[in-house]
C-alpha atoms as a PDB file:
ATOM      1  CA  UNK A   1     119.492   7.139-108.058  1.00  0.00           C
ATOM      2  CA  UNK A   2     118.017   9.386-105.779  1.00  0.00           C
ATOM      3  CA  UNK A   3     115.906   7.864-103.035  1.00  0.00           C
ATOM      4  CA  UNK A   4     112.391   9.878-102.303  1.00  0.00           C
ATOM      5  CA  UNK A   5     112.165  10.083 -98.943  1.00  0.00           C
ATOM      6  CA  UNK A   6     109.294  12.476 -99.300  1.00  0.00           C
ATOM      7  CA  UNK A   7     105.819  11.385 -97.783  1.00  0.00           C
ATOM      8  CA  UNK A   8     102.468  11.710 -99.385  1.00  0.00           C
ATOM      9  CA  UNK A   9      99.502  12.996 -97.566  1.00  0.00           C
ATOM     10  CA  UNK A  10      97.170  12.956 -99.863  1.00  0.00           C
ATOM     11  CA  UNK A  11      95.484   9.846 -98.809  1.00  0.00           C
ATOM     12  CA  UNK A  12      95.029  10.844 -95.300  1.00  0.00           C
ATOM     13  CA  UNK A  13      93.731  14.121 -96.961  1.00  0.00           C
ATOM     14  CA  UNK A  14      91.104  12.276 -98.475  1.00  0.00           C
ATOM     15  CA  UNK A  15      90.135  10.027 -95.595  1.00  0.00           C
ATOM     16  CA  UNK A  16      90.016  13.338 -93.325  1.00  0.00           C
ATOM     17  CA  UNK A  17      87.329  14.949 -95.601  1.00  0.00           C
ATOM     18  CA  UNK A  18      85.057  11.960 -95.929  1.00  0.00           C
ATOM     19  CA  UNK A  19      85.287  11.591 -91.756  1.00  0.00           C
ATOM     20  CA  UNK A  20      84.136  15.230 -91.932  1.00  0.00           C
ATOM     21  CA  UNK A  21      81.726  14.779 -94.582  1.00  0.00           C
ATOM     22  CA  UNK A  22      80.337  11.685 -93.201  1.00  0.00           C
ATOM     23  CA  UNK A  23      79.909  13.656 -89.780  1.00  0.00           C
ATOM     24  CA  UNK A  24      78.197  16.405 -91.197  1.00  0.00           C
ATOM     25  CA  UNK A  25      75.795  14.314 -93.087  1.00  0.00           C
ATOM     26  CA  UNK A  26      75.324  12.475 -89.860  1.00  0.00           C
ATOM     27  CA  UNK A  27      74.505  15.579 -87.668  1.00  0.00           C
ATOM     28  CA  UNK A  28      72.325  16.842 -90.547  1.00  0.00           C
ATOM     29  CA  UNK A  29      69.961  13.979 -90.489  1.00  0.00           C
ATOM     30  CA  UNK A  30      69.881  14.140 -86.595  1.00  0.00           C
ATOM     31  CA  UNK A  31      68.892  17.447 -86.550  1.00  0.00           C
ATOM     32  CA  UNK A  32      66.088  17.468 -88.936  1.00  0.00           C
ATOM     33  CA  UNK A  33      64.704  14.208 -87.061  1.00  0.00           C
ATOM     34  CA  UNK A  34      64.785  16.072 -83.827  1.00  0.00           C
ATOM     35  CA  UNK A  35      62.482  19.224 -85.471  1.00  0.00           C
ATOM     36  CA  UNK A  36      58.817  18.569 -85.216  1.00  0.00           C
ATOM     37  CA  UNK A  37      56.500  18.592 -88.531  1.00  0.00           C
ATOM     38  CA  UNK A  38      53.317  20.100 -87.915  1.00  0.00           C
ATOM     39  CA  UNK A  39      50.138  19.647 -90.466  1.00  0.00           C
ATOM     40  CA  UNK A  40      48.567  22.414 -91.448  1.00  0.00           C
ATOM     41  CA  UNK A  41      44.593  22.490 -90.690  1.00  0.00           C
ATOM     42  CA  UNK A  42      43.833  25.180 -92.971  1.00  0.00           C
ATOM     43  CA  UNK A  43      39.630  24.849 -93.695  1.00  0.00           C
ATOM     44  CA  UNK A  44      39.844  22.318 -90.506  1.00  0.00           C
ATOM     45  CA  UNK A  45      40.829  19.358 -92.350  1.00  0.00           C
ATOM     46  CA  UNK A  46      43.972  17.706 -92.940  1.00  0.00           C
ATOM     47  CA  UNK A  47      46.463  19.104 -95.508  1.00  0.00           C
ATOM     48  CA  UNK A  48      45.877  16.249 -97.952  1.00  0.00           C
ATOM     49  CA  UNK A  49      42.422  16.380 -97.701  1.00  0.00           C
ATOM     50  CA  UNK A  50      42.150  19.884 -98.415  1.00  0.00           C
ATOM     51  CA  UNK A  51      44.923  19.690-101.174  1.00  0.00           C
ATOM     52  CA  UNK A  52      43.006  17.136-103.196  1.00  0.00           C
ATOM     53  CA  UNK A  53      39.500  18.989-102.658  1.00  0.00           C
ATOM     54  CA  UNK A  54      40.920  22.620-102.661  1.00  0.00           C
ATOM     55  CA  UNK A  55      38.486  23.167-106.008  1.00  0.00           C
ATOM     56  CA  UNK A  56      35.472  22.281-104.144  1.00  0.00           C
ATOM     57  CA  UNK A  57      36.625  23.834-100.785  1.00  0.00           C
ATOM     58  CA  UNK A  58      36.829  27.374-102.653  1.00  0.00           C
ATOM     59  CA  UNK A  59      33.745  27.348-105.020  1.00  0.00           C
ATOM     60  CA  UNK A  60      31.532  26.272-101.891  1.00  0.00           C
ATOM     61  CA  UNK A  61      33.315  28.934 -99.427  1.00  0.00           C
ATOM     62  CA  UNK A  62      32.549  31.284-102.597  1.00  0.00           C
ATOM     63  CA  UNK A  63      28.557  30.488-102.938  1.00  0.00           C
ATOM     64  CA  UNK A  64      28.475  30.390 -99.183  1.00  0.00           C
ATOM     65  CA  UNK A  65      29.926  34.134 -98.871  1.00  0.00           C
ATOM     66  CA  UNK A  66      27.884  35.357-101.358  1.00  0.00           C
ATOM     67  CA  UNK A  67      24.628  34.397 -99.433  1.00  0.00           C
ATOM     68  CA  UNK A  68      25.441  34.201 -95.870  1.00  0.00           C
ATOM     69  CA  UNK A  69      27.705  36.215 -93.310  1.00  0.00           C
ATOM     70  CA  UNK A  70      29.495  34.658 -90.069  1.00  0.00           C
ATOM     71  CA  UNK A  71      30.062  37.121 -87.423  1.00  0.00           C
ATOM     72  CA  UNK A  72      31.731  36.448 -84.197  1.00  0.00           C
ATOM     73  CA  UNK A  73      30.278  38.275 -81.058  1.00  0.00           C
ATOM     74  CA  UNK A  74      30.516  39.042 -77.424  1.00  0.00           C
ATOM     75  CA  UNK A  75      34.596  39.217 -77.637  1.00  0.00           C
ATOM     76  CA  UNK A  76      36.792  41.981 -76.740  1.00  0.00           C
ATOM     77  CA  UNK A  77      39.625  42.598 -78.822  1.00  0.00           C
ATOM     78  CA  UNK A  78      43.306  43.774 -78.375  1.00  0.00           C
ATOM     79  CA  UNK A  79      44.876  46.757 -80.260  1.00  0.00           C
ATOM     80  CA  UNK A  80      47.726  46.274 -81.903  1.00  0.00           C
ATOM     81  CA  UNK A  81      50.374  48.426 -83.427  1.00  0.00           C
ATOM     82  CA  UNK A  82      51.437  47.782 -87.018  1.00  0.00           C
ATOM     83  CA  UNK A  83      54.700  47.376 -87.880  1.00  0.00           C
ATOM     84  CA  UNK A  84      55.843  50.151 -89.228  1.00  0.00           C
ATOM     85  CA  UNK A  85      58.050  48.407 -91.951  1.00  0.00           C
ATOM     86  CA  UNK A  86      55.465  46.158 -93.035  1.00  0.00           C
ATOM     87  CA  UNK A  87      52.643  47.543 -95.292  1.00  0.00           C
ATOM     88  CA  UNK A  88      50.431  44.555 -94.365  1.00  0.00           C
ATOM     89  CA  UNK A  89      48.073  45.463 -91.618  1.00  0.00           C
ATOM     90  CA  UNK A  90      47.308  43.291 -88.943  1.00  0.00           C
ATOM     91  CA  UNK A  91      43.831  42.371 -87.489  1.00  0.00           C
ATOM     92  CA  UNK A  92      43.278  42.813 -84.001  1.00  0.00           C
ATOM     93  CA  UNK A  93      43.306  39.558 -82.413  1.00  0.00           C
ATOM     94  CA  UNK A  94      40.555  38.268 -80.235  1.00  0.00           C
ATOM     95  CA  UNK A  95      41.624  38.962 -75.942  1.00  0.00           C
ATOM     96  CA  UNK A  96      41.706  36.177 -74.019  1.00  0.00           C
ATOM     97  CA  UNK A  97      41.160  35.253 -70.529  1.00  0.00           C
ATOM     98  CA  UNK A  98      42.923  32.596 -68.353  1.00  0.00           C
ATOM     99  CA  UNK A  99      40.463  29.985 -67.789  1.00  0.00           C
ATOM    100  CA  UNK A 100      37.278  29.577 -68.835  1.00  0.00           C
ATOM    101  CA  UNK A 101      36.458  31.212 -72.455  1.00  0.00           C
ATOM    102  CA  UNK A 102      33.325  30.726 -74.649  1.00  0.00           C
ATOM    103  CA  UNK A 103      32.596  31.950 -78.222  1.00  0.00           C
ATOM    104  CA  UNK A 104      29.370  33.167 -79.780  1.00  0.00           C
ATOM    105  CA  UNK A 105      28.659  33.382 -83.581  1.00  0.00           C
ATOM    106  CA  UNK A 106      26.054  34.456 -85.578  1.00  0.00           C
ATOM    107  CA  UNK A 107      24.892  33.085 -88.809  1.00  0.00           C
ATOM    108  CA  UNK A 108      23.053  35.107 -91.216  1.00  0.00           C
ATOM    109  CA  UNK A 109      21.836  35.714 -94.649  1.00  0.00           C
ATOM    110  CA  UNK A 110      22.921  39.201 -96.624  1.00  0.00           C
ATOM    111  CA  UNK A 111      19.544  40.588 -95.739  1.00  0.00           C
ATOM    112  CA  UNK A 112      19.613  40.203 -91.806  1.00  0.00           C
ATOM    113  CA  UNK A 113      17.816  36.724 -91.289  1.00  0.00           C
ATOM    114  CA  UNK A 114      19.231  34.294 -88.270  1.00  0.00           C
ATOM    115  CA  UNK A 115      19.890  30.702 -90.233  1.00  0.00           C
ATOM    116  CA  UNK A 116      18.901  28.479 -87.104  1.00  0.00           C
ATOM    117  CA  UNK A 117      19.744  24.856 -89.345  1.00  0.00           C
ATOM    118  CA  UNK A 118      23.385  25.443 -90.183  1.00  0.00           C
ATOM    119  CA  UNK A 119      25.575  22.447 -89.528  1.00  0.00           C
ATOM    120  CA  UNK A 120      27.979  24.264 -86.996  1.00  0.00           C
ATOM    121  CA  UNK A 121      31.804  23.277 -85.611  1.00  0.00           C
ATOM    122  CA  UNK A 122      34.287  25.066 -83.960  1.00  0.00           C
ATOM    123  CA  UNK A 123      38.116  24.287 -84.030  1.00  0.00           C
ATOM    124  CA  UNK A 124      40.640  26.433 -81.082  1.00  0.00           C
ATOM    125  CA  UNK A 125      44.243  25.486 -82.640  1.00  0.00           C
ATOM    126  CA  UNK A 126      47.501  27.048 -82.065  1.00  0.00           C
ATOM    127  CA  UNK A 127      48.988  28.495 -85.298  1.00  0.00           C
ATOM    128  CA  UNK A 128      51.992  26.072 -85.424  1.00  0.00           C
ATOM    129  CA  UNK A 129      51.080  22.920 -83.728  1.00  0.00           C
ATOM    130  CA  UNK A 130      47.854  20.631 -83.412  1.00  0.00           C
ATOM    131  CA  UNK A 131      49.122  19.271 -80.388  1.00  0.00           C
ATOM    132  CA  UNK A 132      46.658  21.260 -78.163  1.00  0.00           C
ATOM    133  CA  UNK A 133      43.929  21.297 -80.925  1.00  0.00           C
ATOM    134  CA  UNK A 134      39.922  21.794 -79.409  1.00  0.00           C
ATOM    135  CA  UNK A 135      37.591  20.245 -81.776  1.00  0.00           C
ATOM    136  CA  UNK A 136      33.684  20.662 -81.258  1.00  0.00           C
ATOM    137  CA  UNK A 137      31.571  19.197 -83.951  1.00  0.00           C
ATOM    138  CA  UNK A 138      28.237  20.231 -83.606  1.00  0.00           C
ATOM    139  CA  UNK A 139      27.420  23.587 -81.630  1.00  0.00           C
ATOM    140  CA  UNK A 140      24.062  23.534 -80.553  1.00  0.00           C
ATOM    141  CA  UNK A 141      21.961  26.699 -81.867  1.00  0.00           C
ATOM    142  CA  UNK A 142      20.458  28.681 -78.913  1.00  0.00           C
ATOM    143  CA  UNK A 143      18.549  32.203 -78.598  1.00  0.00           C
ATOM    144  CA  UNK A 144      20.022  33.011 -82.307  1.00  0.00           C
ATOM    145  CA  UNK A 145      23.505  32.202 -81.743  1.00  0.00           C
ATOM    146  CA  UNK A 146      25.653  29.557 -81.739  1.00  0.00           C
ATOM    147  CA  UNK A 147      27.793  29.251 -78.716  1.00  0.00           C
ATOM    148  CA  UNK A 148      30.197  27.098 -77.662  1.00  0.00           C
ATOM    149  CA  UNK A 149      30.530  25.822 -73.916  1.00  0.00           C
ATOM    150  CA  UNK A 150      33.126  27.078 -71.775  1.00  0.00           C
ATOM    151  CA  UNK A 151      36.831  26.074 -73.075  1.00  0.00           C
ATOM    152  CA  UNK A 152      39.496  26.314 -70.678  1.00  0.00           C
ATOM    153  CA  UNK A 153      42.598  27.728 -71.987  1.00  0.00           C
ATOM    154  CA  UNK A 154      45.656  27.557 -69.564  1.00  0.00           C
ATOM    155  CA  UNK A 155      48.492  28.359 -71.698  1.00  0.00           C
ATOM    156  CA  UNK A 156      49.395  31.625 -72.889  1.00  0.00           C
ATOM    157  CA  UNK A 157      50.135  32.412 -76.364  1.00  0.00           C
ATOM    158  CA  UNK A 158      48.796  32.778 -79.822  1.00  0.00           C
ATOM    159  CA  UNK A 159      45.590  30.861 -81.034  1.00  0.00           C
ATOM    160  CA  UNK A 160      43.552  30.225 -83.702  1.00  0.00           C
ATOM    161  CA  UNK A 161      39.751  30.623 -83.476  1.00  0.00           C
ATOM    162  CA  UNK A 162      38.246  28.542 -86.702  1.00  0.00           C
ATOM    163  CA  UNK A 163      34.810  28.282 -87.396  1.00  0.00           C
ATOM    164  CA  UNK A 164      32.890  26.364 -90.064  1.00  0.00           C
ATOM    165  CA  UNK A 165      28.962  26.671 -90.884  1.00  0.00           C
ATOM    166  CA  UNK A 166      27.218  24.302 -93.524  1.00  0.00           C
ATOM    167  CA  UNK A 167      23.927  25.055 -94.967  1.00  0.00           C
ATOM    168  CA  UNK A 168      23.082  22.797 -97.896  1.00  0.00           C
ATOM    169  CA  UNK A 169      26.105  22.134-100.028  1.00  0.00           C
ATOM    170  CA  UNK A 170      27.627  25.676 -99.449  1.00  0.00           C
ATOM    171  CA  UNK A 171      30.305  25.807 -96.411  1.00  0.00           C
ATOM    172  CA  UNK A 172      31.694  28.789 -95.217  1.00  0.00           C
ATOM    173  CA  UNK A 173      34.814  29.537 -92.915  1.00  0.00           C
ATOM    174  CA  UNK A 174      35.719  32.253 -90.187  1.00  0.00           C
ATOM    175  CA  UNK A 175      39.302  32.104 -89.259  1.00  0.00           C
ATOM    176  CA  UNK A 176      40.159  34.862 -86.198  1.00  0.00           C
ATOM    177  CA  UNK A 177      43.236  35.014 -84.143  1.00  0.00           C
ATOM    178  CA  UNK A 178      43.624  34.955 -80.344  1.00  0.00           C
ATOM    179  CA  UNK A 179      45.641  35.810 -77.926  1.00  0.00           C
ATOM    180  CA  UNK A 180      46.233  35.018 -74.249  1.00  0.00           C
ATOM    181  CA  UNK A 181      48.789  37.069 -72.563  1.00  0.00           C
ATOM    182  CA  UNK A 182      51.211  36.021 -70.197  1.00  0.00           C
END
């Protein structure tokens, strides 16, 4: 009889693959937990609320848009050059200044009459985080305009100016991109 002195390494290989798999699984979970997940604040609402009521929100917005206009006034815009590889034009963002900024909105009917009894709110937010959001619940109507008080902006980068006006059952939204140069 012949002795079989050859060793088999397949149990070691299985244990090695198992260790590599567990290590990669641990690394994946650790990396996923380390990345922050930010909620959307579309329509100035939490994502879940907007998702549940999206049909009512869109109907209200459509009714508002047929009767009223929202305009941002007294701001400078930056001239953006369009990306030559993209067929989607980029709107010119509002130019922000370091320190105090105020924003003035006018809500008018389609024939140009200024609306002075709208329930108006304003949100200054960053596009990918809700960490530094500044929400103003009620903006006061003064001299035919809805104006925010001075808002201190100290961090350079992209911002979004969101405005919501509610007149009766109809709600209108305005969203403008803004930028503060470093």
